[in-house]
């Protein structure tokens, strides 16, 4: 039987750590996705969905929702 990997792989490093401050986490995550709010939000939500650590889950989901809100606000502003 093969052992399954327990690490979440996003294709490229997220540079996100639960031990960093909120602004630092979000800046690193956004820079890792070349400034794309939607890609950053999706990567963080995927992380929050697969982790078993409650602190990581809460912080990743919070950051993902932040980026989803920023993306939606940007879309609404562009539609005007």
PDB file of N, CA and C in Angstrom:
ATOM      1  N   UNK A   1       0.830  -1.185   0.000  1.00  0.00           N
ATOM      2  CA  UNK A   1       0.000   0.000   0.000  1.00  0.00           C
ATOM      3  C   UNK A   1       0.877   1.251   0.000  1.00  0.00           C
ATOM      4  N   UNK A   2       0.506   2.217  -0.786  1.00  0.00           N
ATOM      5  CA  UNK A   2       1.283   3.445  -0.817  1.00  0.00           C
ATOM      6  C   UNK A   2       0.715   4.459   0.157  1.00  0.00           C
ATOM      7  N   UNK A   3       1.585   5.248   0.689  1.00  0.00           N
ATOM      8  CA  UNK A   3       1.171   6.277   1.635  1.00  0.00           C
ATOM      9  C   UNK A   3       0.843   7.556   0.857  1.00  0.00           C
ATOM     10  N   UNK A   4      -0.310   8.117   1.127  1.00  0.00           N
ATOM     11  CA  UNK A   4      -0.703   9.350   0.443  1.00  0.00           C
ATOM     12  C   UNK A   4       0.030  10.541   1.039  1.00  0.00           C
ATOM     13  N   UNK A   5       0.335  11.503   0.187  1.00  0.00           N
ATOM     14  CA  UNK A   5       0.991  12.725   0.651  1.00  0.00           C
ATOM     15  C   UNK A   5       0.010  13.520   1.500  1.00  0.00           C
ATOM     16  N   UNK A   6       0.506  14.094   2.578  1.00  0.00           N
ATOM     17  CA  UNK A   6      -0.346  14.878   3.464  1.00  0.00           C
ATOM     18  C   UNK A   6      -0.177  16.371   3.254  1.00  0.00           C
ATOM     19  N   UNK A   7       0.586  16.757   2.266  1.00  0.00           N
ATOM     20  CA  UNK A   7       0.859  18.175   2.055  1.00  0.00           C
ATOM     21  C   UNK A   7       0.062  18.686   0.875  1.00  0.00           C
ATOM     22  N   UNK A   8      -0.478  19.858   1.023  1.00  0.00           N
ATOM     23  CA  UNK A   8      -1.267  20.498  -0.028  1.00  0.00           C
ATOM     24  C   UNK A   8      -0.325  21.142  -1.032  1.00  0.00           C
ATOM     25  N   UNK A   9      -0.501  20.814  -2.305  1.00  0.00           N
ATOM     26  CA  UNK A   9       0.344  21.385  -3.347  1.00  0.00           C
ATOM     27  C   UNK A   9      -0.519  22.256  -4.258  1.00  0.00           C
ATOM     28  N   UNK A  10      -0.130  23.512  -4.403  1.00  0.00           N
ATOM     29  CA  UNK A  10      -0.908  24.446  -5.208  1.00  0.00           C
ATOM     30  C   UNK A  10      -0.319  24.664  -6.590  1.00  0.00           C
ATOM     31  N   UNK A  11       0.768  24.010  -6.896  1.00  0.00           N
ATOM     32  CA  UNK A  11       1.408  24.221  -8.187  1.00  0.00           C
ATOM     33  C   UNK A  11       2.578  25.172  -8.066  1.00  0.00           C
ATOM     34  N   UNK A  12       2.421  26.174  -7.248  1.00  0.00           N
ATOM     35  CA  UNK A  12       3.520  27.089  -6.942  1.00  0.00           C
ATOM     36  C   UNK A  12       3.399  27.491  -5.483  1.00  0.00           C
ATOM     37  N   UNK A  13       4.504  27.856  -4.843  1.00  0.00           N
ATOM     38  CA  UNK A  13       4.448  28.182  -3.409  1.00  0.00           C
ATOM     39  C   UNK A  13       3.520  29.364  -3.117  1.00  0.00           C
ATOM     40  N   UNK A  14       2.782  29.243  -2.058  1.00  0.00           N
ATOM     41  CA  UNK A  14       1.852  30.299  -1.650  1.00  0.00           C
ATOM     42  C   UNK A  14       2.541  31.331  -0.765  1.00  0.00           C
ATOM     43  N   UNK A  15       3.662  30.947  -0.141  1.00  0.00           N
ATOM     44  CA  UNK A  15       4.403  31.834   0.771  1.00  0.00           C
ATOM     45  C   UNK A  15       3.509  32.356   1.888  1.00  0.00           C
ATOM     46  N   UNK A  16       2.590  31.540   2.338  1.00  0.00           N
ATOM     47  CA  UNK A  16       1.613  31.898   3.357  1.00  0.00           C
ATOM     48  C   UNK A  16       1.905  31.073   4.597  1.00  0.00           C
ATOM     49  N   UNK A  17       1.911  31.716   5.752  1.00  0.00           N
ATOM     50  CA  UNK A  17       2.139  30.998   7.004  1.00  0.00           C
ATOM     51  C   UNK A  17       1.186  31.520   8.066  1.00  0.00           C
ATOM     52  N   UNK A  18       0.598  30.607   8.822  1.00  0.00           N
ATOM     53  CA  UNK A  18      -0.336  31.013   9.870  1.00  0.00           C
ATOM     54  C   UNK A  18       0.354  31.797  10.975  1.00  0.00           C
ATOM     55  N   UNK A  19       1.680  31.700  11.053  1.00  0.00           N
ATOM     56  CA  UNK A  19       2.425  32.384  12.105  1.00  0.00           C
ATOM     57  C   UNK A  19       2.735  33.841  11.770  1.00  0.00           C
ATOM     58  N   UNK A  20       2.549  34.240  10.521  1.00  0.00           N
ATOM     59  CA  UNK A  20       2.790  35.627  10.108  1.00  0.00           C
ATOM     60  C   UNK A  20       1.595  36.499  10.474  1.00  0.00           C
ATOM     61  N   UNK A  21       1.822  37.794  10.488  1.00  0.00           N
ATOM     62  CA  UNK A  21       0.735  38.735  10.724  1.00  0.00           C
ATOM     63  C   UNK A  21      -0.207  38.777   9.533  1.00  0.00           C
ATOM     64  N   UNK A  22      -1.402  39.295   9.761  1.00  0.00           N
ATOM     65  CA  UNK A  22      -2.430  39.317   8.729  1.00  0.00           C
ATOM     66  C   UNK A  22      -1.967  40.035   7.460  1.00  0.00           C
ATOM     67  N   UNK A  23      -1.414  41.221   7.590  1.00  0.00           N
ATOM     68  CA  UNK A  23      -0.982  41.985   6.423  1.00  0.00           C
ATOM     69  C   UNK A  23       0.143  41.266   5.687  1.00  0.00           C
ATOM     70  N   UNK A  24       1.063  40.681   6.425  1.00  0.00           N
ATOM     71  CA  UNK A  24       2.190  39.971   5.826  1.00  0.00           C
ATOM     72  C   UNK A  24       1.716  38.727   5.079  1.00  0.00           C
ATOM     73  N   UNK A  25       0.785  37.960   5.661  1.00  0.00           N
ATOM     74  CA  UNK A  25       0.226  36.771   5.006  1.00  0.00           C
ATOM     75  C   UNK A  25      -0.436  37.143   3.693  1.00  0.00           C
ATOM     76  N   UNK A  26      -1.258  38.173   3.746  1.00  0.00           N
ATOM     77  CA  UNK A  26      -2.013  38.562   2.554  1.00  0.00           C
ATOM     78  C   UNK A  26      -1.109  39.117   1.465  1.00  0.00           C
ATOM     79  N   UNK A  27      -0.104  39.884   1.843  1.00  0.00           N
ATOM     80  CA  UNK A  27       0.843  40.435   0.867  1.00  0.00           C
ATOM     81  C   UNK A  27       1.608  39.313   0.180  1.00  0.00           C
ATOM     82  N   UNK A  28       2.088  38.351   0.972  1.00  0.00           N
ATOM     83  CA  UNK A  28       2.834  37.226   0.399  1.00  0.00           C
ATOM     84  C   UNK A  28       1.959  36.383  -0.529  1.00  0.00           C
ATOM     85  N   UNK A  29       0.743  36.106  -0.096  1.00  0.00           N
ATOM     86  CA  UNK A  29      -0.157  35.291  -0.908  1.00  0.00           C
ATOM     87  C   UNK A  29      -0.480  35.992  -2.224  1.00  0.00           C
ATOM     88  N   UNK A  30      -0.762  37.276  -2.176  1.00  0.00           N
ATOM     89  CA  UNK A  30      -1.087  38.022  -3.384  1.00  0.00           C
ATOM     90  C   UNK A  30       0.114  38.099  -4.325  1.00  0.00           C
ATOM     91  N   UNK A  31       1.290  38.316  -3.783  1.00  0.00           N
ATOM     92  CA  UNK A  31       2.492  38.364  -4.617  1.00  0.00           C
ATOM     93  C   UNK A  31       2.790  37.009  -5.250  1.00  0.00           C
ATOM     94  N   UNK A  32       2.459  35.920  -4.578  1.00  0.00           N
ATOM     95  CA  UNK A  32       2.719  34.595  -5.125  1.00  0.00           C
ATOM     96  C   UNK A  32       1.824  34.289  -6.318  1.00  0.00           C
ATOM     97  N   UNK A  33       0.711  35.003  -6.437  1.00  0.00           N
ATOM     98  CA  UNK A  33      -0.216  34.814  -7.558  1.00  0.00           C
ATOM     99  C   UNK A  33      -0.165  36.005  -8.522  1.00  0.00           C
ATOM    100  N   UNK A  34       0.934  36.734  -8.510  1.00  0.00           N
ATOM    101  CA  UNK A  34       1.191  37.852  -9.431  1.00  0.00           C
ATOM    102  C   UNK A  34       0.081  38.899  -9.408  1.00  0.00           C
ATOM    103  N   UNK A  35      -0.470  39.160  -8.239  1.00  0.00           N
ATOM    104  CA  UNK A  35      -1.446  40.224  -8.075  1.00  0.00           C
ATOM    105  C   UNK A  35      -2.880  39.866  -8.425  1.00  0.00           C
ATOM    106  N   UNK A  36      -3.161  38.625  -8.762  1.00  0.00           N
ATOM    107  CA  UNK A  36      -4.519  38.218  -9.115  1.00  0.00           C
ATOM    108  C   UNK A  36      -5.318  37.938  -7.839  1.00  0.00           C
ATOM    109  N   UNK A  37      -6.311  38.761  -7.589  1.00  0.00           N
ATOM    110  CA  UNK A  37      -7.137  38.609  -6.387  1.00  0.00           C
ATOM    111  C   UNK A  37      -7.909  37.291  -6.404  1.00  0.00           C
ATOM    112  N   UNK A  38      -8.474  36.942  -7.551  1.00  0.00           N
ATOM    113  CA  UNK A  38      -9.288  35.732  -7.642  1.00  0.00           C
ATOM    114  C   UNK A  38      -8.441  34.470  -7.489  1.00  0.00           C
ATOM    115  N   UNK A  39      -7.278  34.421  -8.134  1.00  0.00           N
ATOM    116  CA  UNK A  39      -6.409  33.246  -8.008  1.00  0.00           C
ATOM    117  C   UNK A  39      -5.921  33.080  -6.577  1.00  0.00           C
ATOM    118  N   UNK A  40      -5.635  34.183  -5.918  1.00  0.00           N
ATOM    119  CA  UNK A  40      -5.191  34.140  -4.529  1.00  0.00           C
ATOM    120  C   UNK A  40      -6.309  33.617  -3.639  1.00  0.00           C
ATOM    121  N   UNK A  41      -7.518  34.129  -3.842  1.00  0.00           N
ATOM    122  CA  UNK A  41      -8.666  33.689  -3.043  1.00  0.00           C
ATOM    123  C   UNK A  41      -8.922  32.196  -3.231  1.00  0.00           C
ATOM    124  N   UNK A  42      -8.842  31.720  -4.458  1.00  0.00           N
ATOM    125  CA  UNK A  42      -9.093  30.307  -4.728  1.00  0.00           C
ATOM    126  C   UNK A  42      -8.035  29.409  -4.088  1.00  0.00           C
ATOM    127  N   UNK A  43      -6.777  29.828  -4.154  1.00  0.00           N
ATOM    128  CA  UNK A  43      -5.701  29.032  -3.559  1.00  0.00           C
ATOM    129  C   UNK A  43      -5.852  28.961  -2.037  1.00  0.00           C
ATOM    130  N   UNK A  44      -6.198  30.075  -1.423  1.00  0.00           N
ATOM    131  CA  UNK A  44      -6.369  30.091   0.032  1.00  0.00           C
ATOM    132  C   UNK A  44      -7.602  29.294   0.464  1.00  0.00           C
ATOM    133  N   UNK A  45      -8.670  29.354  -0.310  1.00  0.00           N
ATOM    134  CA  UNK A  45      -9.867  28.578   0.022  1.00  0.00           C
ATOM    135  C   UNK A  45      -9.579  27.087  -0.129  1.00  0.00           C
ATOM    136  N   UNK A  46      -8.810  26.717  -1.136  1.00  0.00           N
ATOM    137  CA  UNK A  46      -8.425  25.318  -1.303  1.00  0.00           C
ATOM    138  C   UNK A  46      -7.601  24.856  -0.104  1.00  0.00           C
ATOM    139  N   UNK A  47      -6.691  25.693   0.350  1.00  0.00           N
ATOM    140  CA  UNK A  47      -5.897  25.362   1.527  1.00  0.00           C
ATOM    141  C   UNK A  47      -6.789  25.187   2.750  1.00  0.00           C
ATOM    142  N   UNK A  48      -7.723  26.090   2.932  1.00  0.00           N
ATOM    143  CA  UNK A  48      -8.597  25.997   4.107  1.00  0.00           C
ATOM    144  C   UNK A  48      -9.485  24.751   4.047  1.00  0.00           C
ATOM    145  N   UNK A  49      -9.800  24.282   2.857  1.00  0.00           N
ATOM    146  CA  UNK A  49     -10.655  23.096   2.712  1.00  0.00           C
ATOM    147  C   UNK A  49      -9.922  21.790   2.980  1.00  0.00           C
ATOM    148  N   UNK A  50      -8.615  21.761   2.802  1.00  0.00           N
ATOM    149  CA  UNK A  50      -7.894  20.490   2.959  1.00  0.00           C
ATOM    150  C   UNK A  50      -7.141  20.364   4.277  1.00  0.00           C
ATOM    151  N   UNK A  51      -6.966  21.454   5.000  1.00  0.00           N
ATOM    152  CA  UNK A  51      -6.174  21.385   6.226  1.00  0.00           C
ATOM    153  C   UNK A  51      -6.969  20.787   7.381  1.00  0.00           C
ATOM    154  N   UNK A  52      -6.251  20.179   8.299  1.00  0.00           N
ATOM    155  CA  UNK A  52      -6.878  19.633   9.511  1.00  0.00           C
ATOM    156  C   UNK A  52      -6.612  20.532  10.713  1.00  0.00           C
ATOM    157  N   UNK A  53      -5.717  21.478  10.556  1.00  0.00           N
ATOM    158  CA  UNK A  53      -5.365  22.392  11.639  1.00  0.00           C
ATOM    159  C   UNK A  53      -6.407  23.510  11.707  1.00  0.00           C
ATOM    160  N   UNK A  54      -7.072  23.653  12.838  1.00  0.00           N
ATOM    161  CA  UNK A  54      -8.167  24.624  12.950  1.00  0.00           C
ATOM    162  C   UNK A  54      -7.694  26.064  12.805  1.00  0.00           C
ATOM    163  N   UNK A  55      -6.504  26.375  13.322  1.00  0.00           N
ATOM    164  CA  UNK A  55      -5.987  27.741  13.202  1.00  0.00           C
ATOM    165  C   UNK A  55      -5.685  28.080  11.742  1.00  0.00           C
ATOM    166  N   UNK A  56      -5.068  27.159  11.016  1.00  0.00           N
ATOM    167  CA  UNK A  56      -4.782  27.372   9.599  1.00  0.00           C
ATOM    168  C   UNK A  56      -6.075  27.509   8.818  1.00  0.00           C
ATOM    169  N   UNK A  57      -7.041  26.641   9.119  1.00  0.00           N
ATOM    170  CA  UNK A  57      -8.331  26.682   8.428  1.00  0.00           C
ATOM    171  C   UNK A  57      -9.010  28.041   8.604  1.00  0.00           C
ATOM    172  N   UNK A  58      -9.033  28.536   9.824  1.00  0.00           N
ATOM    173  CA  UNK A  58      -9.706  29.805  10.116  1.00  0.00           C
ATOM    174  C   UNK A  58      -8.995  30.975   9.431  1.00  0.00           C
ATOM    175  N   UNK A  59      -7.676  31.013   9.521  1.00  0.00           N
ATOM    176  CA  UNK A  59      -6.925  32.124   8.939  1.00  0.00           C
ATOM    177  C   UNK A  59      -6.940  32.083   7.417  1.00  0.00           C
ATOM    178  N   UNK A  60      -6.811  30.904   6.826  1.00  0.00           N
ATOM    179  CA  UNK A  60      -6.834  30.785   5.370  1.00  0.00           C
ATOM    180  C   UNK A  60      -8.207  31.170   4.821  1.00  0.00           C
ATOM    181  N   UNK A  61      -9.260  30.743   5.507  1.00  0.00           N
ATOM    182  CA  UNK A  61     -10.614  31.083   5.054  1.00  0.00           C
ATOM    183  C   UNK A  61     -10.864  32.585   5.183  1.00  0.00           C
ATOM    184  N   UNK A  62     -10.402  33.166   6.269  1.00  0.00           N
ATOM    185  CA  UNK A  62     -10.551  34.605   6.468  1.00  0.00           C
ATOM    186  C   UNK A  62      -9.837  35.383   5.374  1.00  0.00           C
ATOM    187  N   UNK A  63      -8.619  34.980   5.056  1.00  0.00           N
ATOM    188  CA  UNK A  63      -7.861  35.659   4.005  1.00  0.00           C
ATOM    189  C   UNK A  63      -8.502  35.437   2.635  1.00  0.00           C
ATOM    190  N   UNK A  64      -9.007  34.223   2.386  1.00  0.00           N
ATOM    191  CA  UNK A  64      -9.673  33.940   1.111  1.00  0.00           C
ATOM    192  C   UNK A  64     -10.911  34.820   0.941  1.00  0.00           C
ATOM    193  N   UNK A  65     -11.718  34.926   1.986  1.00  0.00           N
ATOM    194  CA  UNK A  65     -12.916  35.766   1.906  1.00  0.00           C
ATOM    195  C   UNK A  65     -12.555  37.229   1.692  1.00  0.00           C
ATOM    196  N   UNK A  66     -11.463  37.675   2.291  1.00  0.00           N
ATOM    197  CA  UNK A  66     -10.976  39.040   2.088  1.00  0.00           C
ATOM    198  C   UNK A  66     -10.677  39.275   0.601  1.00  0.00           C
ATOM    199  N   UNK A  67      -9.973  38.326  -0.022  1.00  0.00           N
ATOM    200  CA  UNK A  67      -9.619  38.490  -1.431  1.00  0.00           C
ATOM    201  C   UNK A  67     -10.833  38.344  -2.342  1.00  0.00           C
ATOM    202  N   UNK A  68     -11.793  37.475  -1.987  1.00  0.00           N
ATOM    203  CA  UNK A  68     -13.036  37.385  -2.762  1.00  0.00           C
ATOM    204  C   UNK A  68     -13.793  38.713  -2.711  1.00  0.00           C
ATOM    205  N   UNK A  69     -13.871  39.323  -1.520  1.00  0.00           N
ATOM    206  CA  UNK A  69     -14.570  40.612  -1.386  1.00  0.00           C
ATOM    207  C   UNK A  69     -13.878  41.699  -2.207  1.00  0.00           C
ATOM    208  N   UNK A  70     -12.546  41.744  -2.144  1.00  0.00           N
ATOM    209  CA  UNK A  70     -11.791  42.746  -2.919  1.00  0.00           C
ATOM    210  C   UNK A  70     -12.008  42.536  -4.418  1.00  0.00           C
ATOM    211  N   UNK A  71     -12.008  41.284  -4.846  1.00  0.00           N
ATOM    212  CA  UNK A  71     -12.225  40.977  -6.263  1.00  0.00           C
ATOM    213  C   UNK A  71     -13.628  41.402  -6.703  1.00  0.00           C
ATOM    214  N   UNK A  72     -14.626  41.067  -5.886  1.00  0.00           N
ATOM    215  CA  UNK A  72     -16.006  41.433  -6.234  1.00  0.00           C
ATOM    216  C   UNK A  72     -16.193  42.946  -6.275  1.00  0.00           C
ATOM    217  N   UNK A  73     -15.585  43.664  -5.335  1.00  0.00           N
ATOM    218  CA  UNK A  73     -15.682  45.122  -5.327  1.00  0.00           C
ATOM    219  C   UNK A  73     -15.026  45.710  -6.576  1.00  0.00           C
ATOM    220  N   UNK A  74     -13.907  45.146  -6.962  1.00  0.00           N
ATOM    221  CA  UNK A  74     -13.211  45.611  -8.162  1.00  0.00           C
ATOM    222  C   UNK A  74     -14.058  45.357  -9.408  1.00  0.00           C
ATOM    223  N   UNK A  75     -14.735  44.209  -9.474  1.00  0.00           N
ATOM    224  CA  UNK A  75     -15.591  43.880 -10.594  1.00  0.00           C
ATOM    225  C   UNK A  75     -16.791  44.826 -10.678  1.00  0.00           C
ATOM    226  N   UNK A  76     -17.389  45.108  -9.524  1.00  0.00           N
ATOM    227  CA  UNK A  76     -18.538  46.023  -9.488  1.00  0.00           C
ATOM    228  C   UNK A  76     -18.133  47.421  -9.933  1.00  0.00           C
ATOM    229  N   UNK A  77     -16.973  47.854  -9.496  1.00  0.00           N
ATOM    230  CA  UNK A  77     -16.483  49.192  -9.842  1.00  0.00           C
ATOM    231  C   UNK A  77     -16.207  49.271 -11.345  1.00  0.00           C
ATOM    232  N   UNK A  78     -15.676  48.214 -11.927  1.00  0.00           N
ATOM    233  CA  UNK A  78     -15.374  48.189 -13.362  1.00  0.00           C
ATOM    234  C   UNK A  78     -16.655  48.153 -14.205  1.00  0.00           C
ATOM    235  N   UNK A  79     -17.730  47.600 -13.653  1.00  0.00           N
ATOM    236  CA  UNK A  79     -18.993  47.491 -14.393  1.00  0.00           C
ATOM    237  C   UNK A  79     -19.734  48.831 -14.492  1.00  0.00           C
ATOM    238  N   UNK A  80     -19.384  49.754 -13.642  1.00  0.00           N
ATOM    239  CA  UNK A  80     -20.084  51.052 -13.644  1.00  0.00           C
ATOM    240  C   UNK A  80     -19.733  51.891 -14.811  1.00  0.00           C
TER     241      UNK A  80
END
